[in-house]
């Protein structure tokens, strides 16, 4: 794929098509990797983004209960010391 270099203020850059952005799930940022004379663009994903907010909401709603009993409930922890 050939891309044109465009002027962006005092810098230069290029545009990615909507199709590429959607296909590779590119959001706000990409990682630029320089390797053996090549540029590699890698989408940056943040799978845990906003987890703190979600956990807080779960706690407020009482949805943060354990789904199974504690695995160490009947263990003799003294044996591990």
PDB file of N, CA and C in Angstrom:
ATOM      1  N   UNK A   1       0.851  -1.170   0.000  1.00  0.00           N
ATOM      2  CA  UNK A   1       0.000   0.000   0.000  1.00  0.00           C
ATOM      3  C   UNK A   1       0.895   1.230   0.000  1.00  0.00           C
ATOM      4  N   UNK A   2       0.595   2.148  -0.831  1.00  0.00           N
ATOM      5  CA  UNK A   2       1.360   3.384  -0.934  1.00  0.00           C
ATOM      6  C   UNK A   2       0.591   4.498  -0.248  1.00  0.00           C
ATOM      7  N   UNK A   3       1.288   5.260   0.612  1.00  0.00           N
ATOM      8  CA  UNK A   3       0.690   6.384   1.314  1.00  0.00           C
ATOM      9  C   UNK A   3       1.447   7.654   0.964  1.00  0.00           C
ATOM     10  N   UNK A   4       0.739   8.757   0.869  1.00  0.00           N
ATOM     11  CA  UNK A   4       1.373  10.051   0.619  1.00  0.00           C
ATOM     12  C   UNK A   4       1.752  10.703   1.939  1.00  0.00           C
ATOM     13  N   UNK A   5       2.912  11.348   1.960  1.00  0.00           N
ATOM     14  CA  UNK A   5       3.348  12.096   3.122  1.00  0.00           C
ATOM     15  C   UNK A   5       2.726  13.492   3.021  1.00  0.00           C
ATOM     16  N   UNK A   6       2.102  13.931   4.113  1.00  0.00           N
ATOM     17  CA  UNK A   6       1.421  15.225   4.110  1.00  0.00           C
ATOM     18  C   UNK A   6       2.012  16.133   5.187  1.00  0.00           C
ATOM     19  N   UNK A   7       1.857  17.433   4.992  1.00  0.00           N
ATOM     20  CA  UNK A   7       2.314  18.424   5.955  1.00  0.00           C
ATOM     21  C   UNK A   7       1.295  18.521   7.088  1.00  0.00           C
ATOM     22  N   UNK A   8       1.778  18.438   8.338  1.00  0.00           N
ATOM     23  CA  UNK A   8       0.926  18.602   9.520  1.00  0.00           C
ATOM     24  C   UNK A   8       1.640  19.593  10.430  1.00  0.00           C
ATOM     25  N   UNK A   9       1.302  20.880  10.296  1.00  0.00           N
ATOM     26  CA  UNK A   9       2.010  21.914  11.049  1.00  0.00           C
ATOM     27  C   UNK A   9       3.457  21.948  10.606  1.00  0.00           C
ATOM     28  N   UNK A  10       4.395  21.881  11.572  1.00  0.00           N
ATOM     29  CA  UNK A  10       5.822  21.856  11.248  1.00  0.00           C
ATOM     30  C   UNK A  10       6.321  20.443  10.984  1.00  0.00           C
ATOM     31  N   UNK A  11       5.461  19.462  11.100  1.00  0.00           N
ATOM     32  CA  UNK A  11       5.840  18.057  10.932  1.00  0.00           C
ATOM     33  C   UNK A  11       5.245  17.505   9.647  1.00  0.00           C
ATOM     34  N   UNK A  12       5.545  16.263   9.399  1.00  0.00           N
ATOM     35  CA  UNK A  12       4.948  15.559   8.270  1.00  0.00           C
ATOM     36  C   UNK A  12       4.383  14.251   8.787  1.00  0.00           C
ATOM     37  N   UNK A  13       3.391  13.723   8.105  1.00  0.00           N
ATOM     38  CA  UNK A  13       2.759  12.492   8.535  1.00  0.00           C
ATOM     39  C   UNK A  13       2.033  11.842   7.375  1.00  0.00           C
ATOM     40  N   UNK A  14       1.236  10.848   7.698  1.00  0.00           N
ATOM     41  CA  UNK A  14       0.424  10.183   6.681  1.00  0.00           C
ATOM     42  C   UNK A  14      -0.909   9.798   7.300  1.00  0.00           C
ATOM     43  N   UNK A  15      -1.881   9.547   6.445  1.00  0.00           N
ATOM     44  CA  UNK A  15      -3.216   9.170   6.891  1.00  0.00           C
ATOM     45  C   UNK A  15      -3.440   7.693   6.627  1.00  0.00           C
ATOM     46  N   UNK A  16      -4.145   7.058   7.544  1.00  0.00           N
ATOM     47  CA  UNK A  16      -4.554   5.665   7.346  1.00  0.00           C
ATOM     48  C   UNK A  16      -6.026   5.662   6.966  1.00  0.00           C
ATOM     49  N   UNK A  17      -6.395   4.783   6.075  1.00  0.00           N
ATOM     50  CA  UNK A  17      -7.789   4.715   5.640  1.00  0.00           C
ATOM     51  C   UNK A  17      -8.676   4.206   6.776  1.00  0.00           C
ATOM     52  N   UNK A  18      -9.924   4.548   6.713  1.00  0.00           N
ATOM     53  CA  UNK A  18     -10.909   4.093   7.693  1.00  0.00           C
ATOM     54  C   UNK A  18     -10.948   2.563   7.730  1.00  0.00           C
ATOM     55  N   UNK A  19     -10.811   1.938   6.565  1.00  0.00           N
ATOM     56  CA  UNK A  19     -10.835   0.478   6.479  1.00  0.00           C
ATOM     57  C   UNK A  19      -9.711  -0.138   7.310  1.00  0.00           C
ATOM     58  N   UNK A  20      -8.480   0.393   7.183  1.00  0.00           N
ATOM     59  CA  UNK A  20      -7.357  -0.121   7.966  1.00  0.00           C
ATOM     60  C   UNK A  20      -7.552   0.122   9.458  1.00  0.00           C
ATOM     61  N   UNK A  21      -8.028   1.295   9.792  1.00  0.00           N
ATOM     62  CA  UNK A  21      -8.248   1.641  11.202  1.00  0.00           C
ATOM     63  C   UNK A  21      -9.250   0.686  11.833  1.00  0.00           C
ATOM     64  N   UNK A  22     -10.321   0.391  11.136  1.00  0.00           N
ATOM     65  CA  UNK A  22     -11.331  -0.529  11.668  1.00  0.00           C
ATOM     66  C   UNK A  22     -10.829  -1.979  11.679  1.00  0.00           C
ATOM     67  N   UNK A  23     -10.160  -2.392  10.603  1.00  0.00           N
ATOM     68  CA  UNK A  23      -9.692  -3.771  10.499  1.00  0.00           C
ATOM     69  C   UNK A  23      -8.713  -4.121  11.611  1.00  0.00           C
ATOM     70  N   UNK A  24      -7.812  -3.197  11.952  1.00  0.00           N
ATOM     71  CA  UNK A  24      -6.787  -3.462  12.959  1.00  0.00           C
ATOM     72  C   UNK A  24      -7.123  -2.861  14.316  1.00  0.00           C
ATOM     73  N   UNK A  25      -8.359  -2.420  14.470  1.00  0.00           N
ATOM     74  CA  UNK A  25      -8.873  -1.919  15.750  1.00  0.00           C
ATOM     75  C   UNK A  25      -7.969  -0.832  16.338  1.00  0.00           C
ATOM     76  N   UNK A  26      -7.596   0.124  15.516  1.00  0.00           N
ATOM     77  CA  UNK A  26      -6.759   1.239  15.969  1.00  0.00           C
ATOM     78  C   UNK A  26      -7.658   2.281  16.605  1.00  0.00           C
ATOM     79  N   UNK A  27      -7.320   2.660  17.823  1.00  0.00           N
ATOM     80  CA  UNK A  27      -8.109   3.663  18.554  1.00  0.00           C
ATOM     81  C   UNK A  27      -7.382   5.002  18.516  1.00  0.00           C
ATOM     82  N   UNK A  28      -6.793   5.413  19.633  1.00  0.00           N
ATOM     83  CA  UNK A  28      -6.168   6.729  19.732  1.00  0.00           C
ATOM     84  C   UNK A  28      -4.670   6.725  19.478  1.00  0.00           C
ATOM     85  N   UNK A  29      -4.017   5.588  19.724  1.00  0.00           N
ATOM     86  CA  UNK A  29      -2.565   5.552  19.623  1.00  0.00           C
ATOM     87  C   UNK A  29      -2.091   4.268  18.947  1.00  0.00           C
ATOM     88  N   UNK A  30      -0.897   4.361  18.349  1.00  0.00           N
ATOM     89  CA  UNK A  30      -0.205   3.188  17.816  1.00  0.00           C
ATOM     90  C   UNK A  30       1.226   3.227  18.318  1.00  0.00           C
ATOM     91  N   UNK A  31       1.849   2.075  18.387  1.00  0.00           N
ATOM     92  CA  UNK A  31       3.260   1.984  18.741  1.00  0.00           C
ATOM     93  C   UNK A  31       4.056   1.909  17.443  1.00  0.00           C
ATOM     94  N   UNK A  32       5.101   2.727  17.333  1.00  0.00           N
ATOM     95  CA  UNK A  32       5.965   2.714  16.159  1.00  0.00           C
ATOM     96  C   UNK A  32       7.207   1.917  16.514  1.00  0.00           C
ATOM     97  N   UNK A  33       7.437   0.831  15.758  1.00  0.00           N
ATOM     98  CA  UNK A  33       8.595  -0.031  15.978  1.00  0.00           C
ATOM     99  C   UNK A  33       9.510   0.106  14.767  1.00  0.00           C
ATOM    100  N   UNK A  34      10.785   0.393  15.023  1.00  0.00           N
ATOM    101  CA  UNK A  34      11.771   0.495  13.951  1.00  0.00           C
ATOM    102  C   UNK A  34      12.562  -0.801  13.950  1.00  0.00           C
ATOM    103  N   UNK A  35      12.482  -1.538  12.842  1.00  0.00           N
ATOM    104  CA  UNK A  35      13.118  -2.847  12.796  1.00  0.00           C
ATOM    105  C   UNK A  35      13.681  -3.133  11.408  1.00  0.00           C
ATOM    106  N   UNK A  36      14.997  -3.283  11.331  1.00  0.00           N
ATOM    107  CA  UNK A  36      15.685  -3.682  10.095  1.00  0.00           C
ATOM    108  C   UNK A  36      15.249  -2.854   8.878  1.00  0.00           C
ATOM    109  N   UNK A  37      15.232  -1.544   9.048  1.00  0.00           N
ATOM    110  CA  UNK A  37      14.895  -0.671   7.934  1.00  0.00           C
ATOM    111  C   UNK A  37      13.413  -0.537   7.641  1.00  0.00           C
ATOM    112  N   UNK A  38      12.568  -1.052   8.539  1.00  0.00           N
ATOM    113  CA  UNK A  38      11.118  -0.977   8.354  1.00  0.00           C
ATOM    114  C   UNK A  38      10.461  -0.245   9.521  1.00  0.00           C
ATOM    115  N   UNK A  39       9.363   0.415   9.224  1.00  0.00           N
ATOM    116  CA  UNK A  39       8.485   0.957  10.256  1.00  0.00           C
ATOM    117  C   UNK A  39       7.373  -0.059  10.465  1.00  0.00           C
ATOM    118  N   UNK A  40       7.091  -0.371  11.692  1.00  0.00           N
ATOM    119  CA  UNK A  40       5.966  -1.250  12.008  1.00  0.00           C
ATOM    120  C   UNK A  40       5.035  -0.471  12.925  1.00  0.00           C
ATOM    121  N   UNK A  41       3.785  -0.347  12.536  1.00  0.00           N
ATOM    122  CA  UNK A  41       2.782   0.298  13.377  1.00  0.00           C
ATOM    123  C   UNK A  41       1.974  -0.778  14.063  1.00  0.00           C
ATOM    124  N   UNK A  42       1.897  -0.696  15.377  1.00  0.00           N
ATOM    125  CA  UNK A  42       1.173  -1.702  16.152  1.00  0.00           C
ATOM    126  C   UNK A  42       0.105  -0.999  16.996  1.00  0.00           C
ATOM    127  N   UNK A  43      -1.149  -1.399  16.860  1.00  0.00           N
ATOM    128  CA  UNK A  43      -2.194  -0.781  17.675  1.00  0.00           C
ATOM    129  C   UNK A  43      -1.890  -0.969  19.163  1.00  0.00           C
ATOM    130  N   UNK A  44      -2.146   0.070  19.933  1.00  0.00           N
ATOM    131  CA  UNK A  44      -1.997  -0.021  21.385  1.00  0.00           C
ATOM    132  C   UNK A  44      -3.377  -0.281  21.963  1.00  0.00           C
ATOM    133  N   UNK A  45      -3.490  -1.380  22.658  1.00  0.00           N
ATOM    134  CA  UNK A  45      -4.778  -1.677  23.288  1.00  0.00           C
ATOM    135  C   UNK A  45      -4.654  -1.481  24.792  1.00  0.00           C
ATOM    136  N   UNK A  46      -5.727  -1.086  25.384  1.00  0.00           N
ATOM    137  CA  UNK A  46      -5.784  -0.893  26.832  1.00  0.00           C
ATOM    138  C   UNK A  46      -6.940  -1.715  27.379  1.00  0.00           C
ATOM    139  N   UNK A  47      -6.783  -3.031  27.441  1.00  0.00           N
ATOM    140  CA  UNK A  47      -7.903  -3.874  27.839  1.00  0.00           C
ATOM    141  C   UNK A  47      -8.396  -3.621  29.260  1.00  0.00           C
ATOM    142  N   UNK A  48      -7.548  -3.069  30.123  1.00  0.00           N
ATOM    143  CA  UNK A  48      -7.950  -2.829  31.509  1.00  0.00           C
ATOM    144  C   UNK A  48      -8.313  -1.377  31.776  1.00  0.00           C
ATOM    145  N   UNK A  49      -8.443  -0.598  30.717  1.00  0.00           N
ATOM    146  CA  UNK A  49      -8.799   0.807  30.861  1.00  0.00           C
ATOM    147  C   UNK A  49     -10.176   0.916  31.522  1.00  0.00           C
ATOM    148  N   UNK A  50     -10.297   1.788  32.473  1.00  0.00           N
ATOM    149  CA  UNK A  50     -11.539   2.064  33.210  1.00  0.00           C
ATOM    150  C   UNK A  50     -11.959   0.934  34.139  1.00  0.00           C
ATOM    151  N   UNK A  51     -11.087  -0.052  34.401  1.00  0.00           N
ATOM    152  CA  UNK A  51     -11.447  -1.127  35.324  1.00  0.00           C
ATOM    153  C   UNK A  51     -11.696  -0.582  36.728  1.00  0.00           C
ATOM    154  N   UNK A  52     -10.896   0.388  37.148  1.00  0.00           N
ATOM    155  CA  UNK A  52     -11.054   0.941  38.500  1.00  0.00           C
ATOM    156  C   UNK A  52     -12.464   1.487  38.687  1.00  0.00           C
ATOM    157  N   UNK A  53     -12.953   2.202  37.692  1.00  0.00           N
ATOM    158  CA  UNK A  53     -14.308   2.759  37.746  1.00  0.00           C
ATOM    159  C   UNK A  53     -15.346   1.632  37.780  1.00  0.00           C
ATOM    160  N   UNK A  54     -15.140   0.611  36.941  1.00  0.00           N
ATOM    161  CA  UNK A  54     -16.081  -0.514  36.889  1.00  0.00           C
ATOM    162  C   UNK A  54     -16.110  -1.265  38.221  1.00  0.00           C
ATOM    163  N   UNK A  55     -14.923  -1.487  38.821  1.00  0.00           N
ATOM    164  CA  UNK A  55     -14.863  -2.182  40.108  1.00  0.00           C
ATOM    165  C   UNK A  55     -15.554  -1.370  41.209  1.00  0.00           C
ATOM    166  N   UNK A  56     -15.379  -0.062  41.163  1.00  0.00           N
ATOM    167  CA  UNK A  56     -16.032   0.798  42.155  1.00  0.00           C
ATOM    168  C   UNK A  56     -17.546   0.689  42.017  1.00  0.00           C
ATOM    169  N   UNK A  57     -18.039   0.716  40.787  1.00  0.00           N
ATOM    170  CA  UNK A  57     -19.480   0.593  40.545  1.00  0.00           C
ATOM    171  C   UNK A  57     -19.993  -0.772  40.993  1.00  0.00           C
ATOM    172  N   UNK A  58     -19.207  -1.833  40.736  1.00  0.00           N
ATOM    173  CA  UNK A  58     -19.605  -3.164  41.175  1.00  0.00           C
ATOM    174  C   UNK A  58     -19.728  -3.210  42.695  1.00  0.00           C
ATOM    175  N   UNK A  59     -18.780  -2.595  43.390  1.00  0.00           N
ATOM    176  CA  UNK A  59     -18.803  -2.565  44.846  1.00  0.00           C
ATOM    177  C   UNK A  59     -20.024  -1.807  45.348  1.00  0.00           C
ATOM    178  N   UNK A  60     -20.312  -0.676  44.744  1.00  0.00           N
ATOM    179  CA  UNK A  60     -21.465   0.126  45.149  1.00  0.00           C
ATOM    180  C   UNK A  60     -22.776  -0.625  44.925  1.00  0.00           C
ATOM    181  N   UNK A  61     -22.817  -1.475  43.893  1.00  0.00           N
ATOM    182  CA  UNK A  61     -24.028  -2.245  43.577  1.00  0.00           C
ATOM    183  C   UNK A  61     -24.067  -3.595  44.290  1.00  0.00           C
ATOM    184  N   UNK A  62     -22.998  -3.923  45.041  1.00  0.00           N
ATOM    185  CA  UNK A  62     -22.946  -5.205  45.735  1.00  0.00           C
ATOM    186  C   UNK A  62     -22.685  -6.375  44.805  1.00  0.00           C
ATOM    187  N   UNK A  63     -22.098  -6.091  43.638  1.00  0.00           N
ATOM    188  CA  UNK A  63     -21.840  -7.133  42.641  1.00  0.00           C
ATOM    189  C   UNK A  63     -20.427  -7.690  42.714  1.00  0.00           C
ATOM    190  N   UNK A  64     -19.689  -7.391  43.780  1.00  0.00           N
ATOM    191  CA  UNK A  64     -18.292  -7.825  43.854  1.00  0.00           C
ATOM    192  C   UNK A  64     -18.095  -8.963  44.856  1.00  0.00           C
ATOM    193  N   UNK A  65     -19.048  -9.851  44.916  1.00  0.00           N
ATOM    194  CA  UNK A  65     -18.966 -10.991  45.829  1.00  0.00           C
ATOM    195  C   UNK A  65     -18.209 -12.143  45.161  1.00  0.00           C
ATOM    196  N   UNK A  66     -17.520 -12.959  45.974  1.00  0.00           N
ATOM    197  CA  UNK A  66     -16.834 -14.120  45.443  1.00  0.00           C
ATOM    198  C   UNK A  66     -17.841 -15.120  44.871  1.00  0.00           C
ATOM    199  N   UNK A  67     -17.487 -15.751  43.774  1.00  0.00           N
ATOM    200  CA  UNK A  67     -18.372 -16.727  43.147  1.00  0.00           C
ATOM    201  C   UNK A  67     -18.216 -18.116  43.747  1.00  0.00           C
ATOM    202  N   UNK A  68     -17.109 -18.347  44.451  1.00  0.00           N
ATOM    203  CA  UNK A  68     -16.878 -19.621  45.117  1.00  0.00           C
ATOM    204  C   UNK A  68     -16.134 -19.347  46.416  1.00  0.00           C
ATOM    205  N   UNK A  69     -16.178 -20.298  47.317  1.00  0.00           N
ATOM    206  CA  UNK A  69     -15.534 -20.124  48.611  1.00  0.00           C
ATOM    207  C   UNK A  69     -14.034 -19.986  48.462  1.00  0.00           C
ATOM    208  N   UNK A  70     -13.435 -19.345  49.437  1.00  0.00           N
ATOM    209  CA  UNK A  70     -11.989 -19.168  49.473  1.00  0.00           C
ATOM    210  C   UNK A  70     -11.312 -20.540  49.464  1.00  0.00           C
ATOM    211  N   UNK A  71     -10.357 -20.748  48.584  1.00  0.00           N
ATOM    212  CA  UNK A  71      -9.720 -22.055  48.458  1.00  0.00           C
ATOM    213  C   UNK A  71      -8.878 -22.408  49.683  1.00  0.00           C
ATOM    214  N   UNK A  72      -8.514 -21.437  50.489  1.00  0.00           N
ATOM    215  CA  UNK A  72      -7.687 -21.691  51.662  1.00  0.00           C
ATOM    216  C   UNK A  72      -8.511 -21.746  52.952  1.00  0.00           C
ATOM    217  N   UNK A  73      -9.806 -21.754  52.821  1.00  0.00           N
ATOM    218  CA  UNK A  73     -10.676 -21.706  53.987  1.00  0.00           C
ATOM    219  C   UNK A  73     -10.411 -22.849  54.967  1.00  0.00           C
ATOM    220  N   UNK A  74     -10.182 -24.053  54.455  1.00  0.00           N
ATOM    221  CA  UNK A  74      -9.998 -25.214  55.314  1.00  0.00           C
ATOM    222  C   UNK A  74      -8.548 -25.685  55.374  1.00  0.00           C
ATOM    223  N   UNK A  75      -7.652 -24.905  54.843  1.00  0.00           N
ATOM    224  CA  UNK A  75      -6.235 -25.277  54.844  1.00  0.00           C
ATOM    225  C   UNK A  75      -5.600 -24.946  56.183  1.00  0.00           C
ATOM    226  N   UNK A  76      -4.583 -25.699  56.536  1.00  0.00           N
ATOM    227  CA  UNK A  76      -3.800 -25.411  57.724  1.00  0.00           C
ATOM    228  C   UNK A  76      -2.615 -24.563  57.265  1.00  0.00           C
ATOM    229  N   UNK A  77      -2.742 -23.278  57.408  1.00  0.00           N
ATOM    230  CA  UNK A  77      -1.729 -22.368  56.914  1.00  0.00           C
ATOM    231  C   UNK A  77      -0.408 -22.532  57.671  1.00  0.00           C
ATOM    232  N   UNK A  78      -0.466 -23.070  58.882  1.00  0.00           N
ATOM    233  CA  UNK A  78       0.761 -23.276  59.665  1.00  0.00           C
ATOM    234  C   UNK A  78       1.723 -24.219  58.947  1.00  0.00           C
ATOM    235  N   UNK A  79       1.178 -25.127  58.150  1.00  0.00           N
ATOM    236  CA  UNK A  79       2.013 -26.080  57.424  1.00  0.00           C
ATOM    237  C   UNK A  79       2.906 -25.390  56.395  1.00  0.00           C
ATOM    238  N   UNK A  80       2.538 -24.194  55.979  1.00  0.00           N
ATOM    239  CA  UNK A  80       3.267 -23.481  54.947  1.00  0.00           C
ATOM    240  C   UNK A  80       4.373 -22.593  55.544  1.00  0.00           C
ATOM    241  N   UNK A  81       4.386 -22.454  56.826  1.00  0.00           N
ATOM    242  CA  UNK A  81       5.349 -21.541  57.461  1.00  0.00           C
ATOM    243  C   UNK A  81       6.626 -22.282  57.768  1.00  0.00           C
TER     244      UNK A  81
END
